[in-house]
Amino acid sequence: MLIDFFYTLRSAKLPVSVKEYLVLLEAMQADVVGPRNPDACSMDDFYFLARTALVKDEKHYDKFDRAFAAYFKGVEMIADFTKPIPADWLRREMERILSEEQKANAPKMDWDELMETLRKRLEEQKERHEGGSKWIGTGGTSPFGNSGQNPQGVRIGGKGGNKSGVKVWEQRAYRDYDDTQELGTRNIKVALRRLRKFAREGNEFELDLPDTIRSTAANAGWLDIKMIPERHNNVKVLLLMDVGGTMDEHIQRVEELFSAVKSEFKHLEFYYFHNCVYDFMWKNNRRRYAEKFPTWDIIRKYNKDYKLIFVGDATMSPYEILQPGGSVEYNNEEAGAEWLQRLTHAFPKYAWINPEPQGVWQYRQSISVIQQLMGQRMYPLTLKGLEDTMRLLSK
């Protein structure tokens, strides 16, 4: 059975050698896992043993997981389908389901018509509505409300989910990304190290072993210790991170990236934005309305030596990028595209890292717009994507 497993891994482009395969067989013969070892006889135990023996580089873990799952599919059931489905889950699903005809007939409006119609609805509506295609309410195909199906609407209250609202009529508080998050950051740090330019700085902290040996030999064997300043990565990074909304789905991965960036780059400056960059950003999400940093000031404060990195899923209405007043939170005087162009002109070394799976990019119009504004310098938040980003910024 395991010889076929070995060939499956090779077919998945994993650099697995015969020597590593023999190590796995030796471990199996020694009952490291298996029925004769009651403490380690599950499929999970075999998975970890096989990964330890066969995979020598953590960047191949994802390939190994997919190949392992493909080969052993059906060997062990993960989900328990014997438990009842909560009634509120079913009720929520029934509220969301609309026929294709209802979705196709959902009213669509341009920006000015949408805002003018919303103003009229607010004046006319006197009671709560659920479903339907006109009034402000929940479900249905109306352009106003939440939890419904409309390709171009204004979300008012409630929790989003269909990612089709062009404006959100509420003020929200976002959580700062945790820069102490360490789980899974090791591989990210390895990828970030491609962007390195070391310089000697500070006081004498490190032993200069070659110079110590040379000086000791020249001093007739008497120990002559030589010290040198510690080496630091001298690269300067300006990190701009999207927070809140659809980015909530990617919090853990962005926190891992943020933690790794803070540990790898001594000269790091970071700011938050929501969906698209406009005329101000912030450093603390709880005080983002009280402590705003004008984007013009950020552009003037940092010089062209800084590498500019955007982190965001670029998932929004195209209005938010191209239309003055398109922000979901306030009426911005200038379009987000204008500010993105100013930033990329001010910092020639720039890139956009997107945590959304690359396979869905082609289905999001806003992602296509951002890619064009970035000169196609958008990379996925994967190890390869980070390596490509660092390679670009190091040129």
Protein backbone atom coordinates (compact mmCIF):
# COMPACT_ATOMS: atom_id res chain seq x y z
CA MET A 1 0.00 0.00 0.00
CA LEU A 2 2.74 2.48 0.90
CA ILE A 3 4.57 2.18 -2.42
CA ASP A 4 1.50 3.60 -4.15
CA PHE A 5 1.38 6.34 -1.51
CA PHE A 6 5.02 7.14 -2.31
CA TYR A 7 4.26 7.48 -6.02
CA THR A 8 1.23 9.67 -5.20
CA LEU A 9 3.54 12.07 -3.38
CA ARG A 10 5.95 12.10 -6.30
CA SER A 11 3.05 12.80 -8.68
CA ALA A 12 2.15 15.80 -6.50
CA LYS A 13 5.64 17.24 -7.23
CA LEU A 14 6.91 16.57 -3.72
CA PRO A 15 10.69 16.03 -3.54
CA VAL A 16 10.43 12.69 -1.74
CA SER A 17 13.42 10.36 -2.11
CA VAL A 18 13.71 6.61 -1.72
CA LYS A 19 15.86 7.13 1.36
CA GLU A 20 13.07 9.06 3.09
CA TYR A 21 10.58 6.38 2.09
CA LEU A 22 12.80 3.72 3.67
CA VAL A 23 12.95 5.77 6.87
CA LEU A 24 9.14 5.68 7.00
CA LEU A 25 9.14 1.90 6.50
CA GLU A 26 11.70 1.47 9.30
CA ALA A 27 9.50 3.53 11.62
CA MET A 28 6.49 1.39 10.74
CA GLN A 29 8.47 -1.82 11.34
CA ALA A 30 9.56 -0.45 14.70
CA ASP A 31 5.87 0.06 15.64
CA VAL A 32 6.25 3.82 16.08
CA VAL A 33 2.62 3.86 14.93
CA GLY A 34 0.28 0.96 14.26
CA PRO A 35 -2.01 -1.56 15.94
CA ARG A 36 0.75 -2.87 18.18
CA ASN A 37 1.23 0.60 19.65
CA PRO A 38 -2.07 1.47 21.42
CA ASP A 39 -0.85 4.99 22.16
CA ALA A 40 -0.32 5.78 18.47
CA CYS A 41 -2.56 3.81 16.16
CA SER A 42 -4.85 6.40 14.55
CA MET A 43 -4.73 7.89 11.06
CA ASP A 44 -3.61 11.19 12.59
CA ASP A 45 -0.60 9.45 14.14
CA PHE A 46 0.36 7.96 10.78
CA TYR A 47 -0.09 11.34 9.10
CA PHE A 48 2.36 13.08 11.45
CA LEU A 49 4.87 10.23 11.19
CA ALA A 50 4.71 10.24 7.38
CA ARG A 51 5.04 14.01 7.20
CA THR A 52 8.02 13.99 9.56
CA ALA A 53 9.81 11.27 7.61
CA LEU A 54 9.00 12.36 4.06
CA VAL A 55 8.79 16.17 4.10
CA LYS A 56 12.01 18.03 4.81
CA ASP A 57 10.84 21.57 4.05
CA GLU A 58 7.80 23.16 5.66
CA LYS A 59 6.87 24.95 2.44
CA HIS A 60 5.77 21.55 1.05
CA TYR A 61 3.30 20.84 3.88
CA ASP A 62 0.32 22.01 1.84
CA LYS A 63 1.22 19.76 -1.11
CA PHE A 64 1.68 16.85 1.27
CA ASP A 65 -1.70 17.47 2.93
CA ARG A 66 -3.50 17.48 -0.41
CA ALA A 67 -1.72 14.37 -1.65
CA PHE A 68 -2.35 12.56 1.66
CA ALA A 69 -6.04 13.46 1.59
CA ALA A 70 -6.36 12.37 -2.04
CA TYR A 71 -4.76 8.99 -1.41
CA PHE A 72 -6.45 8.13 1.88
CA LYS A 73 -9.84 9.66 1.02
CA GLY A 74 -12.60 7.82 2.84
CA VAL A 75 -10.27 5.95 5.20
CA GLU A 76 -11.48 7.93 8.19
CA MET A 77 -14.63 10.03 8.50
CA ILE A 78 -13.99 13.44 10.01
CA ALA A 79 -17.50 14.85 10.40
CA ASP A 80 -20.18 13.43 12.66
CA PHE A 81 -23.46 13.51 10.73
CA THR A 82 -25.46 11.79 13.47
CA LYS A 83 -25.96 15.05 15.41
CA PRO A 84 -29.12 17.06 14.64
CA ILE A 85 -28.80 20.33 12.72
CA PRO A 86 -29.88 23.29 14.92
CA ALA A 87 -33.29 24.65 13.90
CA ASP A 88 -32.03 28.24 13.74
CA TRP A 89 -29.44 27.20 11.11
CA LEU A 90 -32.20 25.78 8.90
CA ARG A 91 -34.40 28.82 9.47
CA ARG A 92 -31.56 31.14 8.47
CA GLU A 93 -30.91 29.13 5.31
CA MET A 94 -34.59 29.20 4.36
CA GLU A 95 -34.63 32.97 4.81
CA ARG A 96 -31.67 33.32 2.46
CA ILE A 97 -32.90 31.06 -0.36
CA LEU A 98 -34.40 32.90 -3.32
CA SER A 99 -35.20 31.56 -6.75
CA GLU A 100 -32.92 32.39 -9.65
CA GLU A 101 -35.75 34.40 -11.19
CA GLN A 102 -36.07 36.51 -8.05
CA LYS A 103 -32.31 37.14 -7.98
CA ALA A 104 -32.26 38.04 -11.70
CA ASN A 105 -35.13 40.53 -11.22
CA ALA A 106 -33.50 42.27 -8.26
CA PRO A 107 -33.52 46.05 -8.93
CA LYS A 108 -30.15 47.45 -10.01
CA MET A 109 -29.32 51.16 -9.91
CA ASP A 110 -26.36 53.38 -10.64
CA TRP A 111 -24.69 55.30 -7.81
CA ASP A 112 -26.69 58.55 -7.94
CA GLU A 113 -30.01 56.74 -8.35
CA LEU A 114 -29.17 54.41 -5.46
CA MET A 115 -28.44 57.29 -3.06
CA GLU A 116 -31.51 59.30 -4.14
CA THR A 117 -33.81 56.26 -3.82
CA LEU A 118 -32.44 55.52 -0.34
CA ARG A 119 -33.21 59.10 0.74
CA LYS A 120 -36.81 58.71 -0.43
CA ARG A 121 -37.22 55.31 1.26
CA LEU A 122 -36.03 56.77 4.58
CA GLU A 123 -38.67 59.49 4.30
CA GLU A 124 -41.52 57.16 3.29
CA GLN A 125 -40.97 53.99 5.33
CA LYS A 126 -42.71 53.85 8.72
CA GLU A 127 -42.46 50.18 9.75
CA ARG A 128 -40.26 47.09 9.60
CA HIS A 129 -40.18 44.94 6.44
CA GLU A 130 -38.88 41.45 5.71
CA GLY A 131 -38.39 40.17 2.17
CA GLY A 132 -39.63 42.04 -0.87
CA SER A 133 -37.87 44.20 -3.41
CA LYS A 134 -38.62 47.79 -2.36
CA TRP A 135 -38.50 48.71 1.32
CA ILE A 136 -35.58 48.76 3.75
CA GLY A 137 -35.57 45.39 5.52
CA THR A 138 -34.07 41.92 5.78
CA GLY A 139 -33.89 39.23 3.11
CA GLY A 140 -35.52 39.66 -0.26
CA THR A 141 -34.06 41.55 -3.22
CA SER A 142 -34.41 45.15 -2.06
CA PRO A 143 -31.28 47.30 -2.57
CA PHE A 144 -31.57 48.47 1.05
CA GLY A 145 -31.23 46.42 4.23
CA ASN A 146 -29.27 43.26 5.03
CA SER A 147 -29.17 39.48 4.52
CA GLY A 148 -30.79 39.72 1.09
CA GLN A 149 -29.77 39.12 -2.51
CA ASN A 150 -29.02 42.23 -4.53
CA PRO A 151 -25.91 42.74 -6.67
CA GLN A 152 -25.67 46.48 -5.87
CA GLY A 153 -27.20 47.54 -2.57
CA VAL A 154 -26.66 49.46 0.64
CA ARG A 155 -26.32 47.34 3.77
CA ILE A 156 -28.12 48.96 6.71
CA GLY A 157 -27.44 47.24 10.03
CA GLY A 158 -27.15 43.49 10.43
CA LYS A 159 -24.24 41.29 9.49
CA GLY A 160 -23.01 41.09 5.92
CA GLY A 161 -22.38 37.86 4.11
CA ASN A 162 -23.13 38.16 0.40
CA LYS A 163 -20.37 40.77 -0.19
CA SER A 164 -22.46 42.76 -2.66
CA GLY A 165 -23.21 45.95 -0.71
CA VAL A 166 -21.74 49.14 -2.18
CA LYS A 167 -22.19 51.09 1.05
CA VAL A 168 -22.62 50.10 4.72
CA TRP A 169 -24.85 52.42 6.71
CA GLU A 170 -23.35 52.03 10.15
CA GLN A 171 -20.23 52.73 12.16
CA ARG A 172 -18.22 49.67 13.13
CA ALA A 173 -15.31 49.00 15.47
CA TYR A 174 -12.50 46.81 14.20
CA ARG A 175 -9.92 44.87 16.18
CA ASP A 176 -6.20 45.62 15.76
CA TYR A 177 -4.18 42.79 14.28
CA ASP A 178 -2.22 40.98 16.98
CA ASP A 179 1.50 41.40 16.29
CA THR A 180 2.40 38.80 18.94
CA GLN A 181 0.70 35.97 17.03
CA GLU A 182 3.43 33.38 16.48
CA LEU A 183 1.56 30.27 15.31
CA GLY A 184 2.58 29.45 11.76
CA THR A 185 4.89 32.44 11.35
CA ARG A 186 8.11 30.48 10.89
CA ASN A 187 7.64 29.84 7.18
CA ILE A 188 6.49 33.42 6.64
CA LYS A 189 9.71 34.67 8.26
CA VAL A 190 11.77 32.49 5.95
CA ALA A 191 9.97 33.98 2.94
CA LEU A 192 10.40 37.54 4.23
CA ARG A 193 14.17 37.06 4.61
CA ARG A 194 14.55 37.38 0.87
CA LEU A 195 14.09 41.10 1.47
CA ARG A 196 17.25 41.71 3.47
CA LYS A 197 19.96 44.33 3.47
CA PHE A 198 22.09 43.98 6.57
CA ALA A 199 24.14 46.76 8.14
CA ARG A 200 26.28 47.01 11.26
CA GLU A 201 24.58 49.26 13.79
CA GLY A 202 24.67 50.09 17.48
CA ASN A 203 27.03 49.05 20.24
CA GLU A 204 29.37 46.06 20.32
CA PHE A 205 27.14 43.03 20.91
CA GLU A 206 28.52 40.21 18.77
CA LEU A 207 31.74 38.24 18.97
CA ASP A 208 33.78 38.62 15.79
CA LEU A 209 35.15 35.06 15.75
CA PRO A 210 37.41 35.32 12.62
CA ASP A 211 39.04 38.52 13.88
CA THR A 212 39.39 37.06 17.40
CA ILE A 213 41.23 33.99 16.04
CA ARG A 214 43.42 36.13 13.82
CA SER A 215 44.30 38.56 16.64
CA THR A 216 44.92 35.75 19.13
CA ALA A 217 47.30 34.01 16.71
CA ALA A 218 49.12 37.27 16.06
CA ASN A 219 49.39 37.82 19.81
CA ALA A 220 51.41 34.64 20.44
CA GLY A 221 48.38 32.69 21.62
CA TRP A 222 47.15 35.18 24.17
CA LEU A 223 43.38 35.50 23.85
CA ASP A 224 42.42 38.76 22.15
CA ILE A 225 38.63 39.02 21.94
CA LYS A 226 37.21 41.25 19.19
CA MET A 227 33.60 42.51 19.19
CA ILE A 228 31.55 44.08 16.40
CA PRO A 229 28.14 45.79 16.27
CA GLU A 230 25.20 43.47 15.79
CA ARG A 231 23.87 43.12 12.25
CA HIS A 232 20.34 44.37 11.59
CA ASN A 233 18.12 44.18 8.58
CA ASN A 234 18.32 47.73 7.26
CA VAL A 235 15.30 47.49 4.93
CA LYS A 236 12.51 50.01 5.58
CA VAL A 237 8.91 48.81 5.19
CA LEU A 238 5.65 50.79 5.10
CA LEU A 239 2.81 48.31 5.72
CA LEU A 240 -0.79 49.35 4.98
CA MET A 241 -3.40 46.80 6.12
CA ASP A 242 -7.09 46.47 5.32
CA VAL A 243 -9.13 45.71 8.44
CA GLY A 244 -12.77 44.86 9.15
CA GLY A 245 -15.60 43.67 6.92
CA THR A 246 -14.60 40.84 4.60
CA MET A 247 -11.09 40.89 6.09
CA ASP A 248 -12.49 39.29 9.26
CA GLU A 249 -12.29 35.97 7.41
CA HIS A 250 -8.51 36.35 7.13
CA ILE A 251 -7.61 37.67 10.60
CA GLN A 252 -5.46 34.73 11.68
CA ARG A 253 -3.33 34.63 8.52
CA VAL A 254 -2.85 38.41 8.49
CA GLU A 255 -1.87 38.33 12.17
CA GLU A 256 0.73 35.68 11.40
CA LEU A 257 2.09 37.86 8.60
CA PHE A 258 2.04 40.99 10.79
CA SER A 259 3.87 39.20 13.60
CA ALA A 260 6.55 37.91 11.21
CA VAL A 261 7.02 41.33 9.59
CA LYS A 262 7.48 43.02 12.98
CA SER A 263 10.15 40.55 13.99
CA GLU A 264 12.03 40.62 10.67
CA PHE A 265 12.15 44.34 9.90
CA LYS A 266 13.57 46.83 12.36
CA HIS A 267 12.39 49.82 10.33
CA LEU A 268 8.66 49.12 10.07
CA GLU A 269 5.79 51.58 9.95
CA PHE A 270 2.20 50.38 9.68
CA TYR A 271 -1.27 51.87 9.26
CA TYR A 272 -4.80 50.55 8.86
CA PHE A 273 -7.45 51.33 6.25
CA HIS A 274 -10.83 49.82 5.39
CA ASN A 275 -11.38 48.36 1.91
CA CYS A 276 -9.52 51.12 0.04
CA VAL A 277 -7.10 53.88 1.03
CA TYR A 278 -8.62 57.37 1.15
CA ASP A 279 -7.51 60.67 2.66
CA PHE A 280 -6.67 59.29 6.11
CA MET A 281 -5.53 56.11 7.87
CA TRP A 282 -5.10 55.08 11.50
CA LYS A 283 -2.88 53.05 13.84
CA ASN A 284 -5.39 52.04 16.52
CA ASN A 285 -8.79 50.75 15.51
CA ARG A 286 -10.47 51.73 18.76
CA ARG A 287 -9.39 55.35 18.30
CA ARG A 288 -9.55 55.50 14.53
CA TYR A 289 -12.02 58.39 14.49
CA ALA A 290 -10.11 60.38 17.12
CA GLU A 291 -6.56 59.69 15.90
CA LYS A 292 -6.51 60.03 12.13
CA PHE A 293 -3.30 60.23 10.10
CA PRO A 294 -3.79 62.17 6.85
CA THR A 295 -2.54 60.17 3.88
CA TRP A 296 -0.76 63.25 2.53
CA ASP A 297 1.24 63.47 5.79
CA ILE A 298 2.22 59.79 5.49
CA ILE A 299 3.39 60.33 1.91
CA ARG A 300 5.50 63.33 2.97
CA LYS A 301 6.85 61.73 6.16
CA TYR A 302 8.52 58.67 4.63
CA ASN A 303 11.04 58.79 1.81
CA LYS A 304 11.34 56.66 -1.30
CA ASP A 305 13.61 54.17 0.53
CA TYR A 306 10.53 52.56 2.10
CA LYS A 307 9.08 49.44 0.49
CA LEU A 308 5.30 49.88 0.33
CA ILE A 309 3.22 46.75 1.02
CA PHE A 310 -0.59 46.72 0.94
CA VAL A 311 -2.38 43.81 2.62
CA GLY A 312 -6.05 43.42 1.74
CA ASP A 313 -8.56 41.18 0.00
CA ALA A 314 -9.50 43.96 -2.49
CA THR A 315 -13.09 42.69 -2.22
CA MET A 316 -15.54 45.58 -2.36
CA SER A 317 -17.81 47.43 -4.71
CA PRO A 318 -15.89 49.05 -7.61
CA TYR A 319 -17.62 52.29 -6.53
CA GLU A 320 -15.40 52.31 -3.44
CA ILE A 321 -12.31 52.52 -5.62
CA LEU A 322 -13.44 54.66 -8.54
CA GLN A 323 -16.19 56.94 -7.22
CA PRO A 324 -15.84 60.07 -5.01
CA GLY A 325 -18.11 59.43 -2.04
CA GLY A 326 -17.81 55.70 -2.66
CA SER A 327 -16.47 54.82 0.78
CA VAL A 328 -18.84 52.61 2.76
CA GLU A 329 -18.35 54.79 5.84
CA TYR A 330 -18.19 58.46 4.82
CA ASN A 331 -18.32 60.73 1.79
CA ASN A 332 -14.72 60.84 0.60
CA GLU A 333 -14.01 63.83 -1.63
CA GLU A 334 -11.57 61.97 -3.87
CA ALA A 335 -11.77 58.44 -5.24
CA GLY A 336 -9.66 55.72 -3.66
CA ALA A 337 -7.93 55.15 -7.01
CA GLU A 338 -6.44 58.66 -6.77
CA TRP A 339 -4.89 57.90 -3.40
CA LEU A 340 -3.55 54.53 -4.52
CA GLN A 341 -1.82 56.18 -7.47
CA ARG A 342 -0.31 58.86 -5.24
CA LEU A 343 1.07 56.24 -2.88
CA THR A 344 2.56 54.09 -5.64
CA HIS A 345 4.15 57.17 -7.25
CA ALA A 346 5.64 58.23 -3.89
CA PHE A 347 7.05 54.75 -3.15
CA PRO A 348 8.33 53.11 -6.37
CA LYS A 349 8.92 49.74 -4.67
CA TYR A 350 5.42 48.52 -3.90
CA ALA A 351 3.22 45.40 -3.98
CA TRP A 352 -0.22 44.19 -2.85
CA ILE A 353 -0.61 40.95 -0.86
CA ASN A 354 -4.09 39.42 -1.11
CA PRO A 355 -5.30 36.78 1.41
CA GLU A 356 -8.20 35.78 -0.85
CA PRO A 357 -7.60 32.48 -2.73
CA GLN A 358 -6.12 33.30 -6.12
CA GLY A 359 -8.71 31.12 -7.84
CA VAL A 360 -11.51 33.60 -7.06
CA TRP A 361 -9.69 36.74 -8.19
CA GLN A 362 -11.09 36.56 -11.70
CA TYR A 363 -14.66 36.65 -10.35
CA ARG A 364 -14.22 39.86 -8.33
CA GLN A 365 -14.39 43.05 -10.40
CA SER A 366 -12.81 45.10 -7.61
CA ILE A 367 -9.77 42.81 -7.51
CA SER A 368 -9.29 43.33 -11.24
CA VAL A 369 -9.44 47.11 -10.72
CA ILE A 370 -6.87 47.01 -7.91
CA GLN A 371 -4.59 44.78 -10.00
CA GLN A 372 -4.62 47.34 -12.79
CA LEU A 373 -3.88 50.19 -10.36
CA MET A 374 -1.03 48.13 -8.89
CA GLY A 375 0.46 47.38 -12.31
CA GLN A 376 -0.35 43.66 -11.76
CA ARG A 377 1.84 43.65 -8.62
CA MET A 378 -0.66 41.63 -6.62
CA TYR A 379 0.39 38.36 -4.99
CA PRO A 380 -1.50 35.79 -2.90
CA LEU A 381 -0.83 35.37 0.81
CA THR A 382 0.98 32.07 0.32
CA LEU A 383 4.62 31.17 0.83
CA LYS A 384 5.29 31.34 -2.89
CA GLY A 385 3.34 34.59 -3.13
CA LEU A 386 5.43 36.10 -0.31
CA GLU A 387 8.65 34.91 -1.92
CA ASP A 388 7.63 36.48 -5.23
CA THR A 389 6.73 39.71 -3.42
CA MET A 390 10.06 39.88 -1.62
CA ARG A 391 11.92 39.09 -4.84
CA LEU A 392 10.13 41.97 -6.59
CA LEU A 393 10.78 44.46 -3.79
CA SER A 394 14.46 43.52 -3.52
CA LYS A 395 15.25 44.42 -7.14
